[in-house]
PDB file of N, CA and C in Angstrom:
ATOM      1  N   MET A   1     -69.165  60.466 -88.777  1.00  0.00           N
ATOM      2  CA  MET A   1     -68.176  60.271 -87.739  1.00  0.00           C
ATOM      3  C   MET A   1     -68.309  61.388 -86.702  1.00  0.00           C
ATOM      4  N   LYS A   2     -68.417  61.018 -85.457  1.00  0.00           N
ATOM      5  CA  LYS A   2     -68.577  61.985 -84.384  1.00  0.00           C
ATOM      6  C   LYS A   2     -67.216  62.548 -83.985  1.00  0.00           C
ATOM      7  N   VAL A   3     -67.165  63.844 -83.882  1.00  0.00           N
ATOM      8  CA  VAL A   3     -65.925  64.519 -83.492  1.00  0.00           C
ATOM      9  C   VAL A   3     -65.991  64.794 -82.000  1.00  0.00           C
ATOM     10  N   CYS A   4     -64.957  64.365 -81.268  1.00  0.00           N
ATOM     11  CA  CYS A   4     -64.941  64.623 -79.828  1.00  0.00           C
ATOM     12  C   CYS A   4     -64.623  66.097 -79.588  1.00  0.00           C
ATOM     13  N   SER A   5     -64.917  66.560 -78.389  1.00  0.00           N
ATOM     14  CA  SER A   5     -64.741  67.979 -78.098  1.00  0.00           C
ATOM     15  C   SER A   5     -63.274  68.407 -78.211  1.00  0.00           C
ATOM     16  N   MET A   6     -62.339  67.522 -77.869  1.00  0.00           N
ATOM     17  CA  MET A   6     -60.924  67.856 -78.008  1.00  0.00           C
ATOM     18  C   MET A   6     -60.575  68.057 -79.485  1.00  0.00           C
ATOM     19  N   GLU A   7     -61.051  67.156 -80.335  1.00  0.00           N
ATOM     20  CA  GLU A   7     -60.781  67.288 -81.764  1.00  0.00           C
ATOM     21  C   GLU A   7     -61.396  68.574 -82.312  1.00  0.00           C
ATOM     22  N   TYR A   8     -62.604  68.886 -81.870  1.00  0.00           N
ATOM     23  CA  TYR A   8     -63.262  70.117 -82.311  1.00  0.00           C
ATOM     24  C   TYR A   8     -62.428  71.337 -81.906  1.00  0.00           C
ATOM     25  N   LYS A   9     -61.934  71.349 -80.696  1.00  0.00           N
ATOM     26  CA  LYS A   9     -61.138  72.483 -80.201  1.00  0.00           C
ATOM     27  C   LYS A   9     -59.815  72.574 -80.966  1.00  0.00           C
ATOM     28  N   ILE A  10     -59.192  71.433 -81.264  1.00  0.00           N
ATOM     29  CA  ILE A  10     -57.943  71.432 -82.048  1.00  0.00           C
ATOM     30  C   ILE A  10     -58.212  72.037 -83.427  1.00  0.00           C
ATOM     31  N   ILE A  11     -59.306  71.627 -84.068  1.00  0.00           N
ATOM     32  CA  ILE A  11     -59.674  72.175 -85.379  1.00  0.00           C
ATOM     33  C   ILE A  11     -59.874  73.683 -85.276  1.00  0.00           C
ATOM     34  N   GLU A  12     -60.582  74.105 -84.241  1.00  0.00           N
ATOM     35  CA  GLU A  12     -60.853  75.530 -84.045  1.00  0.00           C
ATOM     36  C   GLU A  12     -59.547  76.324 -83.918  1.00  0.00           C
ATOM     37  N   ILE A  13     -58.605  75.811 -83.135  1.00  0.00           N
ATOM     38  CA  ILE A  13     -57.321  76.495 -82.932  1.00  0.00           C
ATOM     39  C   ILE A  13     -56.499  76.498 -84.220  1.00  0.00           C
ATOM     40  N   ILE A  14     -56.445  75.373 -84.898  1.00  0.00           N
ATOM     41  CA  ILE A  14     -55.707  75.293 -86.168  1.00  0.00           C
ATOM     42  C   ILE A  14     -56.303  76.259 -87.178  1.00  0.00           C
ATOM     43  N   ASN A  15     -57.634  76.316 -87.243  1.00  0.00           N
ATOM     44  CA  ASN A  15     -58.277  77.230 -88.188  1.00  0.00           C
ATOM     45  C   ASN A  15     -58.007  78.686 -87.851  1.00  0.00           C
ATOM     46  N   THR A  16     -57.881  79.005 -86.582  1.00  0.00           N
ATOM     47  CA  THR A  16     -57.528  80.372 -86.189  1.00  0.00           C
ATOM     48  C   THR A  16     -56.145  80.725 -86.732  1.00  0.00           C
ATOM     49  N   VAL A  17     -55.191  79.814 -86.563  1.00  0.00           N
ATOM     50  CA  VAL A  17     -53.828  80.057 -87.063  1.00  0.00           C
ATOM     51  C   VAL A  17     -53.846  80.148 -88.587  1.00  0.00           C
ATOM     52  N   LEU A  18     -54.566  79.247 -89.245  1.00  0.00           N
ATOM     53  CA  LEU A  18     -54.638  79.273 -90.704  1.00  0.00           C
ATOM     54  C   LEU A  18     -55.251  80.577 -91.202  1.00  0.00           C
ATOM     55  N   THR A  19     -56.345  80.994 -90.588  1.00  0.00           N
ATOM     56  CA  THR A  19     -57.020  82.234 -90.982  1.00  0.00           C
ATOM     57  C   THR A  19     -56.117  83.442 -90.762  1.00  0.00           C
ATOM     58  N   ASN A  20     -55.417  83.473 -89.633  1.00  0.00           N
ATOM     59  CA  ASN A  20     -54.503  84.580 -89.338  1.00  0.00           C
ATOM     60  C   ASN A  20     -53.405  84.711 -90.386  1.00  0.00           C
ATOM     61  N   ASN A  21     -53.122  83.622 -91.081  1.00  0.00           N
ATOM     62  CA  ASN A  21     -52.043  83.607 -92.063  1.00  0.00           C
ATOM     63  C   ASN A  21     -52.560  83.437 -93.490  1.00  0.00           C
ATOM     64  N   ASN A  22     -53.833  83.798 -93.683  1.00  0.00           N
ATOM     65  CA  ASN A  22     -54.460  83.794 -95.016  1.00  0.00           C
ATOM     66  C   ASN A  22     -54.385  82.439 -95.719  1.00  0.00           C
ATOM     67  N   LYS A  23     -54.617  81.370 -94.948  1.00  0.00           N
ATOM     68  CA  LYS A  23     -54.625  80.025 -95.515  1.00  0.00           C
ATOM     69  C   LYS A  23     -56.015  79.428 -95.350  1.00  0.00           C
ATOM     70  N   ASN A  24     -56.300  78.424 -96.150  1.00  0.00           N
ATOM     71  CA  ASN A  24     -57.616  77.782 -96.117  1.00  0.00           C
ATOM     72  C   ASN A  24     -57.814  76.981 -94.837  1.00  0.00           C
ATOM     73  N   LYS A  25     -59.016  77.097 -94.285  1.00  0.00           N
ATOM     74  CA  LYS A  25     -59.368  76.347 -93.078  1.00  0.00           C
ATOM     75  C   LYS A  25     -59.619  74.882 -93.411  1.00  0.00           C
ATOM     76  N   ILE A  26     -59.569  74.053 -92.385  1.00  0.00           N
ATOM     77  CA  ILE A  26     -59.935  72.650 -92.533  1.00  0.00           C
ATOM     78  C   ILE A  26     -61.336  72.481 -91.965  1.00  0.00           C
ATOM     79  N   SER A  27     -62.055  71.487 -92.477  1.00  0.00           N
ATOM     80  CA  SER A  27     -63.436  71.316 -92.047  1.00  0.00           C
ATOM     81  C   SER A  27     -63.635  70.160 -91.073  1.00  0.00           C
ATOM     82  N   ASN A  28     -62.686  69.228 -91.050  1.00  0.00           N
ATOM     83  CA  ASN A  28     -62.840  68.118 -90.111  1.00  0.00           C
ATOM     84  C   ASN A  28     -61.481  67.632 -89.608  1.00  0.00           C
ATOM     85  N   PHE A  29     -61.527  66.864 -88.543  1.00  0.00           N
ATOM     86  CA  PHE A  29     -60.313  66.338 -87.927  1.00  0.00           C
ATOM     87  C   PHE A  29     -59.872  65.094 -88.677  1.00  0.00           C
ATOM     88  N   ASP A  30     -58.718  65.173 -89.299  1.00  0.00           N
ATOM     89  CA  ASP A  30     -58.090  64.023 -89.945  1.00  0.00           C
ATOM     90  C   ASP A  30     -56.722  63.864 -89.302  1.00  0.00           C
ATOM     91  N   GLY A  31     -56.594  62.853 -88.459  1.00  0.00           N
ATOM     92  CA  GLY A  31     -55.365  62.651 -87.703  1.00  0.00           C
ATOM     93  C   GLY A  31     -54.126  62.523 -88.548  1.00  0.00           C
ATOM     94  N   LYS A  32     -54.295  62.159 -89.814  1.00  0.00           N
ATOM     95  CA  LYS A  32     -53.146  61.970 -90.699  1.00  0.00           C
ATOM     96  C   LYS A  32     -52.651  63.275 -91.317  1.00  0.00           C
ATOM     97  N   LEU A  33     -53.412  64.364 -91.171  1.00  0.00           N
ATOM     98  CA  LEU A  33     -52.982  65.640 -91.752  1.00  0.00           C
ATOM     99  C   LEU A  33     -51.665  66.079 -91.131  1.00  0.00           C
ATOM    100  N   HIS A  34     -50.707  66.375 -91.987  1.00  0.00           N
ATOM    101  CA  HIS A  34     -49.378  66.796 -91.566  1.00  0.00           C
ATOM    102  C   HIS A  34     -49.356  68.319 -91.489  1.00  0.00           C
ATOM    103  N   LEU A  35     -48.867  68.844 -90.370  1.00  0.00           N
ATOM    104  CA  LEU A  35     -48.883  70.284 -90.141  1.00  0.00           C
ATOM    105  C   LEU A  35     -48.113  71.055 -91.215  1.00  0.00           C
ATOM    106  N   ARG A  36     -46.944  70.589 -91.567  1.00  0.00           N
ATOM    107  CA  ARG A  36     -46.130  71.295 -92.570  1.00  0.00           C
ATOM    108  C   ARG A  36     -46.534  70.916 -93.990  1.00  0.00           C
ATOM    109  N   ASP A  37     -46.560  69.621 -94.276  1.00  0.00           N
ATOM    110  CA  ASP A  37     -46.767  69.161 -95.653  1.00  0.00           C
ATOM    111  C   ASP A  37     -48.192  69.394 -96.153  1.00  0.00           C
ATOM    112  N   ASP A  38     -49.192  69.140 -95.323  1.00  0.00           N
ATOM    113  CA  ASP A  38     -50.584  69.256 -95.764  1.00  0.00           C
ATOM    114  C   ASP A  38     -51.192  70.625 -95.492  1.00  0.00           C
ATOM    115  N   LEU A  39     -50.849  71.215 -94.351  1.00  0.00           N
ATOM    116  CA  LEU A  39     -51.449  72.495 -93.972  1.00  0.00           C
ATOM    117  C   LEU A  39     -50.542  73.681 -94.263  1.00  0.00           C
ATOM    118  N   GLY A  40     -49.283  73.416 -94.597  1.00  0.00           N
ATOM    119  CA  GLY A  40     -48.363  74.474 -94.983  1.00  0.00           C
ATOM    120  C   GLY A  40     -47.857  75.342 -93.846  1.00  0.00           C
ATOM    121  N   PHE A  41     -47.882  74.818 -92.623  1.00  0.00           N
ATOM    122  CA  PHE A  41     -47.399  75.591 -91.479  1.00  0.00           C
ATOM    123  C   PHE A  41     -45.901  75.805 -91.593  1.00  0.00           C
ATOM    124  N   ASP A  42     -45.468  77.033 -91.308  1.00  0.00           N
ATOM    125  CA  ASP A  42     -44.039  77.314 -91.215  1.00  0.00           C
ATOM    126  C   ASP A  42     -43.679  77.426 -89.731  1.00  0.00           C
ATOM    127  N   SER A  43     -42.447  77.765 -89.440  1.00  0.00           N
ATOM    128  CA  SER A  43     -41.981  77.810 -88.047  1.00  0.00           C
ATOM    129  C   SER A  43     -42.766  78.802 -87.191  1.00  0.00           C
ATOM    130  N   LEU A  44     -43.058  79.963 -87.731  1.00  0.00           N
ATOM    131  CA  LEU A  44     -43.804  80.968 -86.973  1.00  0.00           C
ATOM    132  C   LEU A  44     -45.236  80.509 -86.701  1.00  0.00           C
ATOM    133  N   GLU A  45     -45.839  79.871 -87.675  1.00  0.00           N
ATOM    134  CA  GLU A  45     -47.210  79.366 -87.496  1.00  0.00           C
ATOM    135  C   GLU A  45     -47.237  78.232 -86.477  1.00  0.00           C
ATOM    136  N   LEU A  46     -46.212  77.394 -86.489  1.00  0.00           N
ATOM    137  CA  LEU A  46     -46.127  76.335 -85.484  1.00  0.00           C
ATOM    138  C   LEU A  46     -45.955  76.924 -84.089  1.00  0.00           C
ATOM    139  N   ALA A  47     -45.197  78.014 -83.988  1.00  0.00           N
ATOM    140  CA  ALA A  47     -45.031  78.685 -82.697  1.00  0.00           C
ATOM    141  C   ALA A  47     -46.363  79.255 -82.220  1.00  0.00           C
ATOM    142  N   GLU A  48     -47.100  79.885 -83.125  1.00  0.00           N
ATOM    143  CA  GLU A  48     -48.421  80.415 -82.776  1.00  0.00           C
ATOM    144  C   GLU A  48     -49.352  79.284 -82.334  1.00  0.00           C
ATOM    145  N   LEU A  49     -49.316  78.182 -83.069  1.00  0.00           N
ATOM    146  CA  LEU A  49     -50.138  77.012 -82.724  1.00  0.00           C
ATOM    147  C   LEU A  49     -49.789  76.507 -81.330  1.00  0.00           C
ATOM    148  N   THR A  50     -48.506  76.410 -81.039  1.00  0.00           N
ATOM    149  CA  THR A  50     -48.050  75.936 -79.735  1.00  0.00           C
ATOM    150  C   THR A  50     -48.593  76.807 -78.608  1.00  0.00           C
ATOM    151  N   VAL A  51     -48.493  78.120 -78.772  1.00  0.00           N
ATOM    152  CA  VAL A  51     -48.977  79.054 -77.756  1.00  0.00           C
ATOM    153  C   VAL A  51     -50.479  78.905 -77.566  1.00  0.00           C
ATOM    154  N   ARG A  52     -51.215  78.837 -78.646  1.00  0.00           N
ATOM    155  CA  ARG A  52     -52.678  78.720 -78.562  1.00  0.00           C
ATOM    156  C   ARG A  52     -53.108  77.404 -77.913  1.00  0.00           C
ATOM    157  N   LEU A  53     -52.438  76.315 -78.265  1.00  0.00           N
ATOM    158  CA  LEU A  53     -52.765  75.015 -77.660  1.00  0.00           C
ATOM    159  C   LEU A  53     -52.444  75.016 -76.171  1.00  0.00           C
ATOM    160  N   GLU A  54     -51.309  75.616 -75.821  1.00  0.00           N
ATOM    161  CA  GLU A  54     -50.922  75.667 -74.409  1.00  0.00           C
ATOM    162  C   GLU A  54     -51.894  76.539 -73.605  1.00  0.00           C
ATOM    163  N   GLU A  55     -52.340  77.638 -74.189  1.00  0.00           N
ATOM    164  CA  GLU A  55     -53.323  78.490 -73.511  1.00  0.00           C
ATOM    165  C   GLU A  55     -54.630  77.737 -73.264  1.00  0.00           C
ATOM    166  N   GLU A  56     -55.040  76.943 -74.237  1.00  0.00           N
ATOM    167  CA  GLU A  56     -56.317  76.222 -74.136  1.00  0.00           C
ATOM    168  C   GLU A  56     -56.228  74.995 -73.241  1.00  0.00           C
ATOM    169  N   PHE A  57     -55.172  74.202 -73.407  1.00  0.00           N
ATOM    170  CA  PHE A  57     -55.084  72.900 -72.744  1.00  0.00           C
ATOM    171  C   PHE A  57     -54.059  72.838 -71.615  1.00  0.00           C
ATOM    172  N   GLY A  58     -53.184  73.853 -71.503  1.00  0.00           N
ATOM    173  CA  GLY A  58     -52.174  73.846 -70.467  1.00  0.00           C
ATOM    174  C   GLY A  58     -51.050  72.848 -70.712  1.00  0.00           C
ATOM    175  N   VAL A  59     -50.862  72.475 -71.981  1.00  0.00           N
ATOM    176  CA  VAL A  59     -49.842  71.491 -72.346  1.00  0.00           C
ATOM    177  C   VAL A  59     -49.011  72.048 -73.498  1.00  0.00           C
ATOM    178  N   ASP A  60     -47.691  71.979 -73.357  1.00  0.00           N
ATOM    179  CA  ASP A  60     -46.794  72.357 -74.453  1.00  0.00           C
ATOM    180  C   ASP A  60     -46.578  71.107 -75.304  1.00  0.00           C
ATOM    181  N   VAL A  61     -47.275  71.033 -76.443  1.00  0.00           N
ATOM    182  CA  VAL A  61     -47.223  69.824 -77.267  1.00  0.00           C
ATOM    183  C   VAL A  61     -45.862  69.589 -77.903  1.00  0.00           C
ATOM    184  N   PHE A  62     -45.026  70.619 -77.950  1.00  0.00           N
ATOM    185  CA  PHE A  62     -43.697  70.477 -78.552  1.00  0.00           C
ATOM    186  C   PHE A  62     -42.598  70.296 -77.507  1.00  0.00           C
ATOM    187  N   LYS A  63     -42.969  70.201 -76.236  1.00  0.00           N
ATOM    188  CA  LYS A  63     -41.985  70.112 -75.155  1.00  0.00           C
ATOM    189  C   LYS A  63     -41.038  68.922 -75.311  1.00  0.00           C
ATOM    190  N   ASP A  64     -41.582  67.765 -75.629  1.00  0.00           N
ATOM    191  CA  ASP A  64     -40.772  66.545 -75.716  1.00  0.00           C
ATOM    192  C   ASP A  64     -40.409  66.179 -77.148  1.00  0.00           C
ATOM    193  N   GLY A  65     -40.429  67.142 -78.036  1.00  0.00           N
ATOM    194  CA  GLY A  65     -40.076  66.873 -79.423  1.00  0.00           C
ATOM    195  C   GLY A  65     -41.124  67.426 -80.371  1.00  0.00           C
ATOM    196  N   ILE A  66     -40.842  67.268 -81.631  1.00  0.00           N
ATOM    197  CA  ILE A  66     -41.697  67.825 -82.671  1.00  0.00           C
ATOM    198  C   ILE A  66     -42.925  66.937 -82.880  1.00  0.00           C
ATOM    199  N   VAL A  67     -44.053  67.583 -83.102  1.00  0.00           N
ATOM    200  CA  VAL A  67     -45.254  66.857 -83.517  1.00  0.00           C
ATOM    201  C   VAL A  67     -45.456  67.149 -85.000  1.00  0.00           C
ATOM    202  N   TYR A  68     -45.925  66.147 -85.717  1.00  0.00           N
ATOM    203  CA  TYR A  68     -46.041  66.279 -87.163  1.00  0.00           C
ATOM    204  C   TYR A  68     -47.480  66.316 -87.655  1.00  0.00           C
ATOM    205  N   THR A  69     -48.367  65.586 -86.983  1.00  0.00           N
ATOM    206  CA  THR A  69     -49.730  65.431 -87.475  1.00  0.00           C
ATOM    207  C   THR A  69     -50.753  65.867 -86.429  1.00  0.00           C
ATOM    208  N   LEU A  70     -51.998  65.962 -86.853  1.00  0.00           N
ATOM    209  CA  LEU A  70     -53.072  66.283 -85.913  1.00  0.00           C
ATOM    210  C   LEU A  70     -53.204  65.187 -84.861  1.00  0.00           C
ATOM    211  N   GLU A  71     -52.988  63.955 -85.243  1.00  0.00           N
ATOM    212  CA  GLU A  71     -53.056  62.842 -84.283  1.00  0.00           C
ATOM    213  C   GLU A  71     -51.959  62.975 -83.227  1.00  0.00           C
ATOM    214  N   ASP A  72     -50.763  63.419 -83.642  1.00  0.00           N
ATOM    215  CA  ASP A  72     -49.675  63.660 -82.685  1.00  0.00           C
ATOM    216  C   ASP A  72     -50.104  64.687 -81.643  1.00  0.00           C
ATOM    217  N   ILE A  73     -50.752  65.760 -82.104  1.00  0.00           N
ATOM    218  CA  ILE A  73     -51.232  66.789 -81.186  1.00  0.00           C
ATOM    219  C   ILE A  73     -52.232  66.191 -80.208  1.00  0.00           C
ATOM    220  N   LYS A  74     -53.190  65.479 -80.734  1.00  0.00           N
ATOM    221  CA  LYS A  74     -54.230  64.870 -79.888  1.00  0.00           C
ATOM    222  C   LYS A  74     -53.615  63.944 -78.835  1.00  0.00           C
ATOM    223  N   ASN A  75     -52.656  63.134 -79.251  1.00  0.00           N
ATOM    224  CA  ASN A  75     -52.010  62.204 -78.320  1.00  0.00           C
ATOM    225  C   ASN A  75     -51.240  62.927 -77.204  1.00  0.00           C
ATOM    226  N   LYS A  76     -50.615  64.045 -77.547  1.00  0.00           N
ATOM    227  CA  LYS A  76     -49.869  64.811 -76.531  1.00  0.00           C
ATOM    228  C   LYS A  76     -50.819  65.471 -75.534  1.00  0.00           C
ATOM    229  N   LEU A  77     -52.028  65.797 -75.977  1.00  0.00           N
ATOM    230  CA  LEU A  77     -52.987  66.476 -75.125  1.00  0.00           C
ATOM    231  C   LEU A  77     -53.756  65.521 -74.215  1.00  0.00           C
ATOM    232  N   LYS A  78     -53.712  64.242 -74.517  1.00  0.00           N
ATOM    233  CA  LYS A  78     -54.466  63.256 -73.704  1.00  0.00           C
ATOM    234  C   LYS A  78     -53.851  63.092 -72.348  1.00  0.00           C
TER     235      LYS A  78
END
């Protein structure tokens, strides 16, 4: 399965947040992965993720409500 550049960048940013918080990185983009339930993100990690995504893409993915999955993030960035 070919990963688009946006998905690759999302993975890269998520892995940065995970690494910063001593959590295991993900190896591929799975739109169904839940930020809290599957990746274990807490409120501070979600805030860090939001800042990093906004710096990269210029979009606040949480502006219009909470995003739950990687697919939610991708859809907000489109």
